[in-house]
Structures are given as C-alpha cells and as structure tokens.
Protein backbone atom coordinates (compact mmCIF):
# COMPACT_ATOMS: atom_id res chain seq x y z
CA MET A 1 0.00 0.00 0.00
CA LEU A 2 1.35 3.40 -0.99
CA ARG A 3 1.95 5.84 1.85
CA ARG A 4 0.63 9.39 1.96
CA VAL A 5 3.21 12.21 1.74
CA VAL A 6 2.94 15.64 3.39
CA VAL A 7 4.85 18.93 3.46
CA THR A 8 6.09 19.79 6.96
CA GLY A 9 8.85 22.36 6.38
CA LEU A 10 9.69 25.17 3.95
CA GLY A 11 12.96 26.95 3.20
CA LEU A 12 13.23 29.77 0.65
CA VAL A 13 16.03 31.97 -0.66
CA THR A 14 14.53 34.48 -3.12
CA PRO A 15 15.13 37.93 -4.61
CA ILE A 16 12.35 39.32 -2.38
CA GLY A 17 13.44 37.74 0.87
CA ILE A 18 15.11 34.86 2.66
CA GLY A 19 12.90 32.58 4.74
CA HIS A 20 9.45 31.39 3.72
CA GLU A 21 7.41 33.82 5.81
CA ARG A 22 9.31 36.87 4.58
CA ALA A 23 9.13 35.71 0.97
CA TRP A 24 5.44 34.81 1.31
CA ALA A 25 4.64 38.27 2.67
CA GLY A 26 6.43 39.73 -0.34
CA PHE A 27 4.54 37.55 -2.80
CA LEU A 28 1.18 38.52 -1.31
CA ALA A 29 2.16 42.20 -1.34
CA GLY A 30 3.25 42.05 -4.99
CA ALA A 31 6.86 42.92 -4.16
CA ASN A 32 9.22 43.45 -7.08
CA GLY A 33 12.57 41.70 -6.82
CA ILE A 34 13.63 42.60 -10.35
CA GLY A 35 16.08 45.42 -11.05
CA PRO A 36 19.34 46.33 -12.78
CA VAL A 37 21.92 43.53 -12.81
CA ARG A 38 24.53 44.08 -10.08
CA SER A 39 26.75 40.98 -10.14
CA PHE A 40 28.39 41.79 -13.48
CA ASP A 41 28.42 44.59 -16.06
CA PRO A 42 25.38 44.05 -18.34
CA THR A 43 25.89 47.08 -20.62
CA ASN A 44 26.71 44.95 -23.66
CA PHE A 45 23.42 43.09 -23.41
CA ALA A 46 20.10 44.16 -24.94
CA SER A 47 18.54 44.08 -21.46
CA THR A 48 20.03 44.94 -18.09
CA LEU A 49 17.29 43.43 -15.90
CA GLY A 50 17.83 40.61 -13.44
CA ALA A 51 16.44 39.20 -10.21
CA GLU A 52 19.31 38.68 -7.77
CA VAL A 53 19.30 37.60 -4.14
CA LYS A 54 20.36 40.50 -1.94
CA ASP A 55 21.96 40.69 1.51
CA PHE A 56 22.73 36.98 1.55
CA ASP A 57 25.18 35.64 4.11
CA PRO A 58 25.10 31.83 4.31
CA ALA A 59 27.32 31.85 7.40
CA GLU A 60 24.35 33.16 9.38
CA THR A 61 22.41 29.94 8.75
CA LEU A 62 24.68 27.04 7.86
CA LYS A 63 25.85 24.69 10.60
CA GLY A 64 27.27 21.61 8.88
CA VAL A 65 29.33 22.97 5.96
CA ASP A 66 31.81 25.82 5.52
CA PRO A 67 30.19 28.28 3.07
CA THR A 68 33.59 29.48 1.83
CA THR A 69 34.30 26.03 0.38
CA ILE A 70 31.15 25.71 -1.78
CA GLY A 71 29.60 27.49 -4.76
CA ARG A 72 26.82 30.08 -4.62
CA ALA A 73 24.07 27.71 -5.80
CA SER A 74 25.14 25.22 -3.14
CA GLN A 75 25.07 28.02 -0.57
CA PHE A 76 21.50 28.82 -1.59
CA ALA A 77 20.47 25.16 -1.48
CA ALA A 78 22.07 24.38 1.87
CA THR A 79 20.63 27.55 3.42
CA ALA A 80 17.13 26.72 2.17
CA ALA A 81 17.53 23.16 3.46
CA ARG A 82 18.64 24.35 6.91
CA LEU A 83 15.70 26.79 7.07
CA ALA A 84 13.28 24.04 6.02
CA LEU A 85 14.61 21.64 8.66
CA GLY A 86 14.25 24.31 11.32
CA ASP A 87 10.71 25.05 10.19
CA ALA A 88 9.85 21.34 10.35
CA GLY A 89 11.47 20.88 13.76
CA LEU A 90 13.59 18.00 12.53
CA THR A 91 16.82 16.96 14.25
CA GLU A 92 18.95 13.80 14.23
CA GLU A 93 17.17 12.78 17.42
CA VAL A 94 13.87 12.84 15.54
CA ILE A 95 14.88 11.10 12.32
CA PRO A 96 17.63 8.47 11.82
CA PRO A 97 19.95 9.84 9.08
CA ALA A 98 19.76 6.60 7.10
CA ARG A 99 15.97 7.00 6.75
CA ALA A 100 16.25 10.52 5.30
CA GLY A 101 17.28 11.52 1.78
CA VAL A 102 17.82 14.42 -0.62
CA ALA A 103 16.43 15.15 -4.10
CA MET A 104 17.49 18.42 -5.71
CA GLY A 105 17.14 19.98 -9.15
CA THR A 106 19.13 22.56 -11.08
CA THR A 107 19.52 24.10 -14.51
CA SER A 108 23.16 25.17 -14.50
CA GLY A 109 24.76 23.67 -11.41
CA GLU A 110 27.61 25.99 -10.37
CA PRO A 111 28.26 28.21 -13.44
CA LEU A 112 30.16 30.83 -11.43
CA GLU A 113 32.87 28.23 -10.83
CA ILE A 114 33.20 27.70 -14.59
CA GLU A 115 33.27 31.46 -15.18
CA ASP A 116 36.04 31.86 -12.62
CA PHE A 117 38.04 29.04 -14.22
CA ASN A 118 37.58 30.56 -17.68
CA ASP A 119 38.55 34.08 -16.58
CA ARG A 120 41.71 32.86 -14.88
CA TRP A 121 42.67 30.70 -17.86
CA LEU A 122 42.23 33.56 -20.34
CA ALA A 123 44.33 35.78 -18.08
CA ASP A 124 47.07 33.12 -18.12
CA GLU A 125 46.56 32.56 -14.41
CA GLN A 126 46.13 28.80 -14.49
CA HIS A 127 48.11 28.58 -11.27
CA ALA A 128 45.34 30.53 -9.53
CA VAL A 129 42.55 28.11 -10.47
CA ARG A 130 41.00 26.70 -7.31
CA PRO A 131 42.47 23.27 -6.57
CA ASP A 132 38.99 21.98 -5.67
CA PHE A 133 37.43 23.29 -8.92
CA ILE A 134 36.45 19.79 -10.08
CA ASN A 135 34.44 19.22 -6.91
CA ARG A 136 32.87 22.68 -6.81
CA TYR A 137 31.51 23.03 -10.34
CA ARG A 138 29.65 19.69 -10.66
CA CYS A 139 25.89 20.08 -10.50
CA SER A 140 25.77 16.98 -8.28
CA SER A 141 27.72 18.89 -5.65
CA ILE A 142 24.51 20.76 -4.77
CA SER A 143 22.65 17.70 -3.50
CA GLU A 144 25.81 16.41 -1.82
CA ILE A 145 26.21 19.71 0.07
CA VAL A 146 22.55 19.60 1.16
CA ALA A 147 23.10 16.07 2.48
CA ALA A 148 26.26 17.15 4.31
CA GLU A 149 24.49 20.15 5.88
CA SER A 150 21.55 18.04 7.04
CA ASN A 151 23.44 14.79 7.73
CA PHE A 152 20.87 12.91 5.66
CA CYS A 153 22.46 9.60 4.66
CA GLY A 154 19.69 7.94 2.67
CA MET A 155 19.13 8.29 -1.09
CA ASN A 156 20.71 11.29 -2.78
CA ILE A 157 19.78 12.39 -6.29
CA MET A 158 20.48 15.44 -8.44
CA ILE A 159 18.12 16.10 -11.36
CA PRO A 160 19.34 18.61 -13.98
CA THR A 161 16.13 18.88 -16.04
CA ALA A 162 16.54 22.63 -16.43
CA CYS A 163 13.62 24.85 -15.47
CA ALA A 164 11.36 21.95 -14.46
CA ALA A 165 13.99 20.40 -12.20
CA GLY A 166 12.42 21.47 -8.90
CA ASN A 167 9.18 19.66 -9.69
CA TYR A 168 11.11 16.64 -10.97
CA ALA A 169 12.96 16.49 -7.64
CA ILE A 170 9.72 16.74 -5.67
CA GLY A 171 8.25 13.92 -7.75
CA SER A 172 11.31 11.75 -7.15
CA ALA A 173 11.15 12.38 -3.41
CA PHE A 174 7.41 11.68 -3.44
CA ASP A 175 8.01 8.27 -5.02
CA ALA A 176 10.71 7.39 -2.47
CA LEU A 177 8.44 8.30 0.42
CA ARG A 178 5.23 6.66 -0.71
CA SER A 179 7.10 3.44 -1.50
CA GLY A 180 8.51 3.33 2.05
CA ARG A 181 12.21 3.59 1.14
CA VAL A 182 12.62 6.64 3.38
CA ASP A 183 10.63 8.54 6.00
CA VAL A 184 11.84 12.09 5.29
CA MET A 185 13.12 13.84 2.15
CA LEU A 186 14.55 17.26 1.45
CA ALA A 187 13.34 18.15 -2.05
CA GLY A 188 13.72 21.26 -4.16
CA GLY A 189 15.97 23.17 -6.52
CA ALA A 190 18.67 25.82 -6.69
CA ASP A 191 20.44 28.01 -9.25
CA CYS A 192 22.58 31.13 -9.11
CA PHE A 193 22.77 34.17 -11.37
CA SER A 194 25.54 34.01 -13.97
CA ARG A 195 26.85 35.55 -17.18
CA ILE A 196 26.57 32.11 -18.80
CA THR A 197 22.83 31.84 -18.22
CA TYR A 198 22.21 35.52 -18.97
CA SER A 199 24.14 35.33 -22.24
CA GLY A 200 22.19 32.31 -23.40
CA PHE A 201 18.77 33.86 -22.84
CA SER A 202 19.97 37.16 -24.26
CA ARG A 203 21.10 35.48 -27.49
CA LEU A 204 17.63 33.92 -27.73
CA GLY A 205 16.10 37.40 -27.46
CA ALA A 206 14.06 36.15 -24.51
CA ILE A 207 14.85 38.76 -21.82
CA ALA A 208 12.39 41.59 -21.17
CA THR A 209 13.83 45.09 -21.32
CA GLU A 210 11.32 46.88 -19.07
CA ARG A 211 9.38 44.46 -16.85
CA CYS A 212 8.23 40.87 -16.54
CA GLN A 213 4.48 40.63 -17.18
CA PRO A 214 3.29 37.06 -17.70
CA PHE A 215 0.06 36.53 -19.65
CA ASP A 216 -0.20 40.24 -20.46
CA LYS A 217 -0.94 41.12 -24.07
CA ASN A 218 2.20 43.30 -24.23
CA ARG A 219 4.58 40.90 -22.50
CA GLN A 220 8.18 41.21 -23.67
CA GLY A 221 9.95 38.21 -22.20
CA MET A 222 11.35 36.60 -19.08
CA VAL A 223 13.90 37.92 -16.58
CA PRO A 224 16.68 35.61 -15.30
CA GLY A 225 16.75 35.17 -11.54
CA GLU A 226 18.36 33.08 -8.81
CA GLY A 227 17.51 31.40 -5.52
CA ALA A 228 16.51 28.14 -3.90
CA GLY A 229 13.47 26.39 -2.57
CA VAL A 230 13.54 23.29 -0.38
CA LEU A 231 10.58 21.41 1.08
CA VAL A 232 10.64 18.88 3.89
CA LEU A 233 8.48 15.99 2.74
CA GLU A 234 7.48 13.22 5.16
CA SER A 235 5.30 10.18 5.18
CA TRP A 236 1.97 11.10 6.74
CA GLU A 237 2.46 8.48 9.46
CA HIS A 238 5.88 9.85 10.42
CA ALA A 239 4.62 13.43 10.55
CA VAL A 240 1.56 12.61 12.63
CA ALA A 241 3.56 10.46 15.02
CA ARG A 242 5.77 13.40 15.91
CA ASP A 243 2.86 15.87 15.90
CA ALA A 244 4.42 17.91 13.09
CA GLN A 245 2.82 20.91 11.43
CA ILE A 246 1.41 19.96 8.03
CA TYR A 247 1.13 22.58 5.30
CA ALA A 248 -0.31 20.37 2.59
CA GLU A 249 -0.29 16.90 1.12
CA VAL A 250 1.54 15.98 -2.08
CA ALA A 251 -1.25 14.25 -3.96
CA GLY A 252 0.49 13.27 -7.19
CA TYR A 253 2.65 14.36 -10.08
CA GLY A 254 2.97 13.91 -13.82
CA LEU A 255 5.91 14.11 -16.24
CA SER A 256 6.15 14.32 -20.01
CA CYS A 257 8.56 15.25 -22.78
CA ASP A 258 7.52 17.09 -25.94
CA ALA A 259 10.33 15.37 -27.91
CA HIS A 260 9.77 18.27 -30.29
CA HIS A 261 12.56 20.88 -30.15
CA MET A 262 15.53 21.72 -27.96
CA THR A 263 14.24 25.17 -26.93
CA GLY A 264 10.74 25.46 -28.41
CA ALA A 265 7.69 23.87 -26.80
CA HIS A 266 5.17 21.81 -28.72
CA PRO A 267 3.07 24.28 -30.77
CA GLU A 268 -0.18 23.02 -29.26
CA GLY A 269 1.06 22.59 -25.68
CA ASP A 270 0.76 18.81 -26.00
CA GLY A 271 3.46 17.88 -23.47
CA ALA A 272 2.31 20.44 -20.92
CA ALA A 273 -1.26 19.14 -21.14
CA ARG A 274 -0.10 15.53 -20.73
CA ALA A 275 1.90 16.42 -17.60
CA MET A 276 -1.15 18.06 -15.99
CA THR A 277 -3.43 15.18 -17.01
CA ARG A 278 -1.03 12.59 -15.60
CA ALA A 279 -0.63 14.54 -12.37
CA LEU A 280 -4.39 14.74 -11.89
CA ARG A 281 -4.76 11.03 -12.62
CA ASP A 282 -1.96 10.16 -10.19
CA SER A 283 -3.61 12.26 -7.48
CA GLY A 284 -7.10 10.88 -8.01
CA HIS A 285 -8.45 14.37 -8.70
CA GLU A 286 -10.49 15.75 -11.57
CA PRO A 287 -9.98 19.16 -13.22
CA GLY A 288 -13.09 20.34 -11.43
CA ASP A 289 -11.40 19.83 -8.05
CA VAL A 290 -8.60 22.34 -8.71
CA SER A 291 -8.76 25.62 -6.78
CA TYR A 292 -5.60 27.34 -8.08
CA ILE A 293 -2.95 26.97 -10.78
CA SER A 294 0.59 28.12 -10.06
CA ALA A 295 1.64 28.75 -13.64
CA HIS A 296 5.07 28.34 -15.17
CA GLY A 297 4.29 31.77 -16.68
CA THR A 298 7.71 33.03 -17.78
CA GLY A 299 6.44 36.13 -19.56
CA THR A 300 7.67 35.14 -23.02
CA PRO A 301 5.08 35.47 -25.82
CA THR A 302 5.28 31.80 -26.80
CA ASN A 303 5.48 30.14 -23.38
CA ASP A 304 2.45 31.90 -21.93
CA ARG A 305 0.34 31.26 -25.03
CA LEU A 306 1.19 27.56 -25.09
CA GLU A 307 0.68 27.11 -21.34
CA SER A 308 -2.73 28.76 -21.70
CA ALA A 309 -3.57 26.40 -24.56
CA ALA A 310 -2.55 23.43 -22.40
CA VAL A 311 -4.73 24.61 -19.52
CA HIS A 312 -7.68 24.89 -21.92
CA ARG A 313 -7.03 21.36 -23.20
CA VAL A 314 -7.08 19.94 -19.67
CA PHE A 315 -9.72 22.11 -17.98
CA GLY A 316 -12.05 22.79 -20.86
CA GLN A 317 -14.69 25.40 -20.02
CA ARG A 318 -13.24 25.78 -16.49
CA ALA A 319 -9.95 27.10 -17.88
CA GLU A 320 -11.13 30.70 -17.75
CA SER A 321 -12.43 30.45 -14.18
CA VAL A 322 -9.58 28.72 -12.29
CA PRO A 323 -7.49 31.43 -10.55
CA THR A 324 -4.00 31.40 -12.06
CA SER A 325 -0.87 33.42 -11.34
CA SER A 326 2.87 33.53 -11.94
CA ILE A 327 5.27 34.67 -9.22
CA LYS A 328 7.98 35.00 -11.89
CA SER A 329 6.57 38.49 -12.41
CA MET A 330 8.11 39.31 -9.00
CA ILE A 331 11.27 37.20 -8.72
CA GLY A 332 12.07 36.46 -12.34
CA HIS A 333 12.81 32.97 -13.57
CA THR A 334 14.93 31.27 -10.90
CA MET A 335 15.61 28.33 -13.23
CA GLY A 336 15.91 25.00 -11.37
CA ALA A 337 14.65 26.68 -8.19
CA ALA A 338 11.51 28.07 -9.82
CA SER A 339 9.03 25.23 -9.42
CA ALA A 340 10.40 24.40 -5.95
CA ILE A 341 9.72 27.97 -4.79
CA GLU A 342 6.33 27.80 -6.49
CA ALA A 343 5.62 24.50 -4.70
CA ALA A 344 6.18 26.29 -1.40
CA VAL A 345 3.77 28.98 -2.60
CA CYS A 346 1.15 26.28 -3.24
CA ALA A 347 1.60 24.91 0.28
CA LEU A 348 1.30 28.39 1.81
CA ALA A 349 -1.75 29.20 -0.32
CA ILE A 350 -3.44 26.11 1.11
CA ARG A 351 -2.43 27.10 4.64
CA ASP A 352 -3.66 30.70 4.39
CA ASN A 353 -6.41 30.48 1.74
CA ARG A 354 -4.75 33.28 -0.22
CA VAL A 355 -3.05 33.24 -3.62
CA PRO A 356 -0.38 35.65 -4.88
CA PRO A 357 -0.85 37.91 -7.88
CA THR A 358 0.80 38.27 -11.23
CA ILE A 359 2.12 41.83 -11.04
CA ASN A 360 2.58 44.18 -14.01
CA PHE A 361 -0.63 42.84 -15.57
CA ALA A 362 -2.45 45.50 -17.58
CA ASP A 363 -4.02 44.16 -20.78
CA SER A 364 -5.69 40.79 -21.27
CA ASP A 365 -4.48 38.66 -24.17
CA PRO A 366 -7.13 36.64 -26.07
CA ASP A 367 -4.45 33.96 -26.53
CA CYS A 368 -4.11 33.71 -22.74
CA ALA A 369 -7.75 33.49 -21.73
CA LEU A 370 -7.25 32.56 -18.08
CA ASP A 371 -8.50 33.90 -14.75
CA CYS A 372 -5.27 35.78 -14.07
CA VAL A 373 -4.93 36.95 -10.46
CA ALA A 374 -3.90 40.42 -11.55
CA ASN A 375 -1.71 42.70 -9.41
CA VAL A 376 -3.44 42.07 -6.07
CA ALA A 377 -3.48 38.90 -3.96
CA ARG A 378 -6.82 37.14 -3.77
CA ASP A 379 -8.57 35.52 -0.81
CA LEU A 380 -9.62 32.10 -1.96
CA GLU A 381 -10.61 28.79 -0.43
CA VAL A 382 -7.71 26.67 -1.65
CA GLU A 383 -8.16 22.91 -1.49
CA VAL A 384 -6.24 21.58 -4.50
CA THR A 385 -3.44 23.27 -6.48
CA VAL A 386 -1.56 22.48 -9.69
CA ASN A 387 2.08 23.55 -9.89
CA ASN A 388 3.34 23.67 -13.50
CA ALA A 389 6.94 23.68 -14.72
CA TYR A 390 8.27 23.46 -18.26
CA ALA A 391 11.86 23.38 -19.52
CA PHE A 392 14.17 23.32 -22.50
CA GLY A 393 14.25 19.93 -24.17
CA GLY A 394 10.48 19.75 -23.74
CA ASN A 395 10.69 18.53 -20.14
CA ASN A 396 7.37 19.10 -18.37
CA ALA A 397 6.36 18.44 -14.78
CA SER A 398 3.16 19.15 -12.84
CA VAL A 399 2.67 18.47 -9.14
CA ILE A 400 -0.67 18.39 -7.30
CA PHE A 401 -0.91 19.63 -3.70
CA ARG A 402 -4.06 19.39 -1.59
CA ARG A 403 -5.23 20.22 1.91
CA SER A 404 -4.39 17.40 4.30
CA ALA A 405 -7.03 15.98 6.62
CA ALA A 406 -4.39 16.12 9.36
CA ALA A 407 -3.48 19.76 8.78
C-alpha cells in the first residue's frame, strides 16, 4: 500500500526575501525583486534586468558545511535546506539519518565556478585556479552539500532537467516516500545568477527590457533570476507520530517530454497538457477539483500562449475560471529553483487560503484566456493546487498539492 506524503517544512532563498514567511509576505504584497543587474556589467546586453538575491550571508544559517568552500548555488540550497529543517522541527534525534534523503534539481549547477576558471585561464593565471574546482563546479555537488548540511544519509539524487527540475525532484522524493524507502526527504531546486545563463537567454532574445508581465498582451519576455526552494516531505504516518505541522499533502505528479525541439515547446502545448493530465490522474483528482494553478508563466510570448492552450485542453470550459498566477513576475525565472519555490507557494496558499498575484498585468491577451490573479493577492478557499513547470528539451512536470485531513 502506498503511503501518503505531506509537506512539513519550507525553506526559501529568493530575490524578495530569505525565509518562507518573509518571501510569502512579499509575494502577497506584490513585491518586485527585479532590477538592474549588479553581479556583473550588463551594458553589452540588450537588457540589463535581473532578479538577484540580496543581503545573503550563508554563514548566518549554515551549521554543517563551511560556506567558503562551496559554490553560490550550493550556498542557496544548503541555506534553504537548513531553514526548512528548522521550520519542520527535525533533528537527528527525531529522524535516523539513514531514513532521510535528498532530491534536488538545477539548470546550470555551479556556473560561477566555470566562469572563474575561464577568466583565470584567459588571463594566463592557471596557477590561480581553485584546486577543488572539479568538486565545486559539478551540478551533483549541490545535493551532496545539502546532504552534508543536514546529515541525511539515505538516497541522494540530483536532477538537472533545467527549469522543471524542482518539480522533478519533488516527484522523485514523493516516489521514495510513498514506496517506504525513506521517511523524510529534502526536495527542491537551486540556481545562481551568472553571465553564462544571462548570455544564453539574451542570445535567444528572450529577456524583457522593461518588466516581466506574464500573460499580459504586451509581454516582452522573461527575466533571469536566482535562488533556492527546499521542502521537507514526510510520510503522513511519520509526521503525525511526531505531531508535526502539516502545510499540505503531495497528492500526485505527472511528467512528459515534448520530444519536439531543444528550446521550443510543442506548438499546441501537448506535453504540458499531458503532464497536468497525468498529475491529476496520479492524485485521483479531476480538473473540477482544482482551486488554483501556479503557472510556469515566464512572460515570453510563446510560453504563456502555449501554457494557456494546455490549460484549456485539460480544464475545458473551467480554464477561464480557475485562478491562475505567476510569481515570476516578482522574482524572475529562478531556473531549477523556480518550481520548488512555487511548490512552497502552493503549500502556503493552502495554509492561508490566499493566492499571490501576477504583477505588471495591464491588458488581457485573447491567446491567454485565463482567470489571471492580476496585481493584487486574492482571498480564496484553496483545497487543490496544480504547480506547473516546463523546460528546454520539452521537459514538463506538474505536481498536485491538496489540503491534508491532518493539517
């Protein structure tokens, strides 16, 4: 018999705040974490907008690893994990390390380490390359650092499925928990801001020059961001036995691949629709049960149109009446962290019966005929949510969260 899985802890590092309560207050207030790029000189790019984490000092939070020995994405991930563990009230006395695991996602791993290597090499300073470069730059180092910080010695997996990686990691952790292989999992995603990522999206002409405005008729594009989101997932039995707080239940998830184009989504949103349909089927819910959709909503003309088409394929006539929003309008696209942060938003929406807005929304687009929660947070009885994430390579992932009877 498959076990139930619940969310008992949240840890967020975002451009509008560190810690889930601070970030959540910012999301509900429509805070804007997007501004001029500060970490490098962007003057040679068509856009100078970015969403960077500010006033971040990992030494204030980390206990198990030395932050000076790890990359920035790993610092984000380990900090979010430590915050999530504290929120869940989990210690080694509560959970045997061998019964706890880690599943993390990323898009770029540790690109700043590669940039540093490249800059030193071009400057003929090979002698100054960090001796531990090989260990620092690997994307798998992120999940290893989270395990070291938490002393979780069970399964450890790193999933680099780009901008859907956070949801992929949550799905992997969900499977491990409901099958009984572990009792607790840290699941989420992390990515840091870099010239490498910024250059790639700039060459695609995908970065907005003025603002990020998902689903708006005049949307210009996405804005690269950075951060981390980590959720503590537990079996329902384990959480209840220790009288843990329960934000929400993970009800199911669905994956698909467009197998269509390296960067372009299927022109009819086929893969996105299949991911949502599979997630609903896995959860035992129908489209009519869904209270809120946390959209991928990058703000690019194509992505938002195709996601809207996919929602219409799955929800039919309800598509235009299910409240939908994209927090990327506030914190940009945090890559592998995006759907993990958005998963935390789903859990908090269920807890508080409020959903965050899509800011910068001014003009409705007939191609995006959805009930967009525009500019102002909405009070809403939230029972079931869909969290969507789509990525290059056509990787799609949707996760269903619902109110837990034990909450």
